[in-house]
Protein backbone atom coordinates (compact mmCIF):
# COMPACT_ATOMS: atom_id res chain seq x y z
CA UNK A 1 30.58 -1.10 2.52
CA UNK A 2 27.03 0.27 2.80
CA UNK A 3 26.60 3.61 4.55
CA UNK A 4 24.33 3.01 7.54
CA UNK A 5 21.68 5.66 8.15
CA UNK A 6 17.99 6.08 8.91
CA UNK A 7 15.63 8.87 7.94
CA UNK A 8 12.25 9.09 9.67
CA UNK A 9 9.20 10.55 7.98
CA UNK A 10 5.45 10.66 8.51
CA UNK A 11 2.90 11.55 5.87
CA UNK A 12 -0.89 11.67 5.69
CA UNK A 13 -2.91 11.29 2.48
CA UNK A 14 -6.68 11.77 2.33
CA UNK A 15 -9.00 10.64 -0.43
CA UNK A 16 -12.78 10.79 -0.86
CA UNK A 17 -14.50 7.95 -2.69
CA UNK A 18 -18.13 7.80 -3.79
CA UNK A 19 -18.35 4.20 -2.52
CA UNK A 20 -19.65 3.26 0.95
CA UNK A 21 -17.07 2.29 3.63
CA UNK A 22 -18.06 -1.39 3.31
CA UNK A 23 -17.23 -1.34 -0.41
CA UNK A 24 -13.90 0.44 0.15
CA UNK A 25 -13.06 -2.03 2.93
CA UNK A 26 -13.85 -4.92 0.57
CA UNK A 27 -11.47 -3.47 -2.06
CA UNK A 28 -8.75 -3.31 0.62
CA UNK A 29 -9.38 -6.70 2.21
CA UNK A 30 -10.42 -9.13 -0.53
CA UNK A 31 -7.40 -10.61 -2.36
CA UNK A 32 -9.05 -10.61 -5.81
CA UNK A 33 -10.46 -7.10 -5.41
CA UNK A 34 -7.12 -5.76 -4.15
CA UNK A 35 -5.17 -7.42 -6.98
CA UNK A 36 -7.09 -5.20 -9.43
CA UNK A 37 -5.47 -2.01 -8.12
CA UNK A 38 -2.55 -2.86 -5.79
CA UNK A 39 0.29 -3.38 -8.25
CA UNK A 40 3.17 -1.69 -9.98
CA UNK A 41 3.21 -0.12 -13.43
CA UNK A 42 1.95 -2.23 -16.33
CA UNK A 43 5.42 -2.31 -17.91
CA UNK A 44 6.64 -4.35 -14.94
CA UNK A 45 4.59 -7.31 -16.20
CA UNK A 46 3.05 -10.02 -14.02
CA UNK A 47 3.64 -9.81 -10.29
CA UNK A 48 3.31 -12.12 -7.33
CA UNK A 49 0.72 -11.34 -4.68
CA UNK A 50 -0.37 -13.31 -1.61
CA UNK A 51 -2.74 -12.07 1.07
CA UNK A 52 -3.98 -13.51 4.38
CA UNK A 53 -6.27 -10.75 5.63
CA UNK A 54 -6.59 -11.22 9.40
CA UNK A 55 -4.83 -9.85 12.46
CA UNK A 56 -1.40 -11.51 12.37
CA UNK A 57 -1.88 -12.40 8.70
CA UNK A 58 0.67 -11.52 6.05
CA UNK A 59 0.57 -9.89 2.65
CA UNK A 60 3.41 -10.07 0.14
CA UNK A 61 3.66 -8.39 -3.23
CA UNK A 62 6.63 -8.70 -5.59
CA UNK A 63 7.43 -7.20 -8.95
CA UNK A 64 9.70 -4.83 -10.75
CA UNK A 65 11.16 -3.77 -14.05
CA UNK A 66 12.24 -6.56 -16.42
CA UNK A 67 15.94 -5.78 -15.81
CA UNK A 68 15.50 -5.31 -12.03
CA UNK A 69 15.61 -4.54 -9.25
CA UNK A 70 12.89 -6.73 -7.75
CA UNK A 71 10.59 -4.77 -5.39
CA UNK A 72 9.05 -6.67 -2.45
CA UNK A 73 6.34 -5.50 -0.01
CA UNK A 74 6.06 -7.68 3.14
CA UNK A 75 3.25 -6.71 5.52
CA UNK A 76 1.75 -8.01 8.76
CA UNK A 77 -1.78 -6.95 9.72
CA UNK A 78 -1.74 -5.56 13.27
CA UNK A 79 -5.33 -4.34 13.73
CA UNK A 80 -8.52 -4.69 11.68
CA UNK A 81 -11.91 -3.14 12.43
CA UNK A 82 -14.25 -4.03 9.55
CA UNK A 83 -15.39 -1.04 7.50
CA UNK A 84 -13.46 1.35 9.82
CA UNK A 85 -9.72 0.72 10.18
CA UNK A 86 -6.73 -1.32 8.99
CA UNK A 87 -3.30 -1.06 10.64
CA UNK A 88 -0.30 -2.92 9.27
CA UNK A 89 3.46 -2.84 9.50
CA UNK A 90 5.56 -3.51 6.44
CA UNK A 91 9.07 -3.79 5.04
CA UNK A 92 10.07 -2.77 1.54
CA UNK A 93 12.98 -4.49 -0.21
CA UNK A 94 14.91 -3.93 -3.42
CA UNK A 95 16.30 -7.34 -4.33
CA UNK A 96 17.84 -8.51 -1.02
CA UNK A 97 18.19 -5.03 0.55
CA UNK A 98 15.66 -3.86 3.14
CA UNK A 99 15.06 -0.20 2.29
CA UNK A 100 12.37 0.75 4.80
CA UNK A 101 10.17 -0.32 7.67
CA UNK A 102 6.80 1.41 8.12
CA UNK A 103 3.61 1.47 10.14
CA UNK A 104 0.54 2.32 8.05
CA UNK A 105 -3.00 3.11 9.17
CA UNK A 106 -6.03 3.35 6.91
CA UNK A 107 -9.10 4.95 8.49
CA UNK A 108 -12.44 4.76 6.69
CA UNK A 109 -14.94 7.43 7.67
CA UNK A 110 -18.47 7.80 6.29
CA UNK A 111 -18.78 10.96 4.20
CA UNK A 112 -22.33 11.43 2.93
CA UNK A 113 -23.00 8.28 0.89
CA UNK A 114 -19.26 7.80 0.31
CA UNK A 115 -16.06 7.33 2.26
CA UNK A 116 -13.22 9.52 3.44
CA UNK A 117 -10.02 7.44 3.58
CA UNK A 118 -7.22 8.79 5.76
CA UNK A 119 -3.90 7.03 5.19
CA UNK A 120 -1.07 7.71 7.67
CA UNK A 121 2.40 6.25 7.28
CA UNK A 122 5.26 6.47 9.77
CA UNK A 123 8.44 5.22 8.14
CA UNK A 124 12.08 4.51 8.83
CA UNK A 125 13.92 4.79 5.50
CA UNK A 126 17.20 2.90 5.65
CA UNK A 127 20.72 3.48 4.35
CA UNK A 128 19.76 6.08 1.70
CA UNK A 129 18.05 3.40 -0.44
CA UNK A 130 14.62 5.06 -0.30
CA UNK A 131 13.17 8.55 -0.46
CA UNK A 132 10.08 9.40 1.63
CA UNK A 133 8.77 11.74 -1.08
CA UNK A 134 8.85 8.88 -3.62
CA UNK A 135 7.04 6.59 -1.17
CA UNK A 136 4.36 9.21 -0.67
CA UNK A 137 3.95 9.61 -4.45
CA UNK A 138 3.73 5.84 -4.92
CA UNK A 139 1.09 5.63 -2.19
CA UNK A 140 -0.89 8.48 -3.75
CA UNK A 141 -0.78 6.63 -7.08
CA UNK A 142 -2.06 3.43 -5.42
CA UNK A 143 -4.90 5.28 -3.67
CA UNK A 144 -5.84 6.86 -7.02
CA UNK A 145 -5.83 3.35 -8.54
CA UNK A 146 -8.10 2.21 -5.69
CA UNK A 147 -10.48 5.07 -6.56
CA UNK A 148 -10.48 4.09 -10.24
CA UNK A 149 -11.15 0.47 -9.30
CA UNK A 150 -14.11 1.52 -7.14
CA UNK A 151 -15.55 3.37 -10.16
CA UNK A 152 -14.97 0.33 -12.40
CA UNK A 153 -12.38 2.17 -14.51
CA UNK A 154 -9.12 0.58 -15.74
CA UNK A 155 -6.28 1.04 -13.25
CA UNK A 156 -2.50 1.31 -13.68
CA UNK A 157 -2.96 1.57 -17.45
C-alpha cells in the first residue's frame, strides 16, 4: 500500500535574457519554438509534445529513460497576458502515478533591451514520489535551455 502524504513547497527562480520580452514570450508560447528547449535529456530519445496555447488550453509532454519510468507533464493555461505573464497549473506523473500538482507563474519584465523572467512555483508533492529540490533543479535546467535557445546555441546537448 502506498504511503499517503503531501509536502508543500514554493520556489522562485529569476533569469535575465538578452532578448526582448516579445521574443521570450514567443519561445514560451509557440509550439515549435518551445520544442527546441522544453524537453528532457538527450539520452531519453524522442518525446511527445502537444501544445494548445490559450487560456483553458492544454500542454502535454511525455518522455523518459529507455527503461522507464515514463515522465508526463500535463498543464492547463489559466492566464495569459502577451509579452508579460503566463500562469498555468500542471500535474507531473511517473508512469501512472501522479507525483505532484503545481501552480506556476512566469512574469516577463523589460530589463534594458532584454527581459527579466521571474518563475514562481507553488507545489504539492505527493506520497514521497517527488522532491521539491529536484523539481527546482529541473526547472533551472529548463530555463537555462530557454536562454541557450534564445541565443541560438544548442540546448540539452
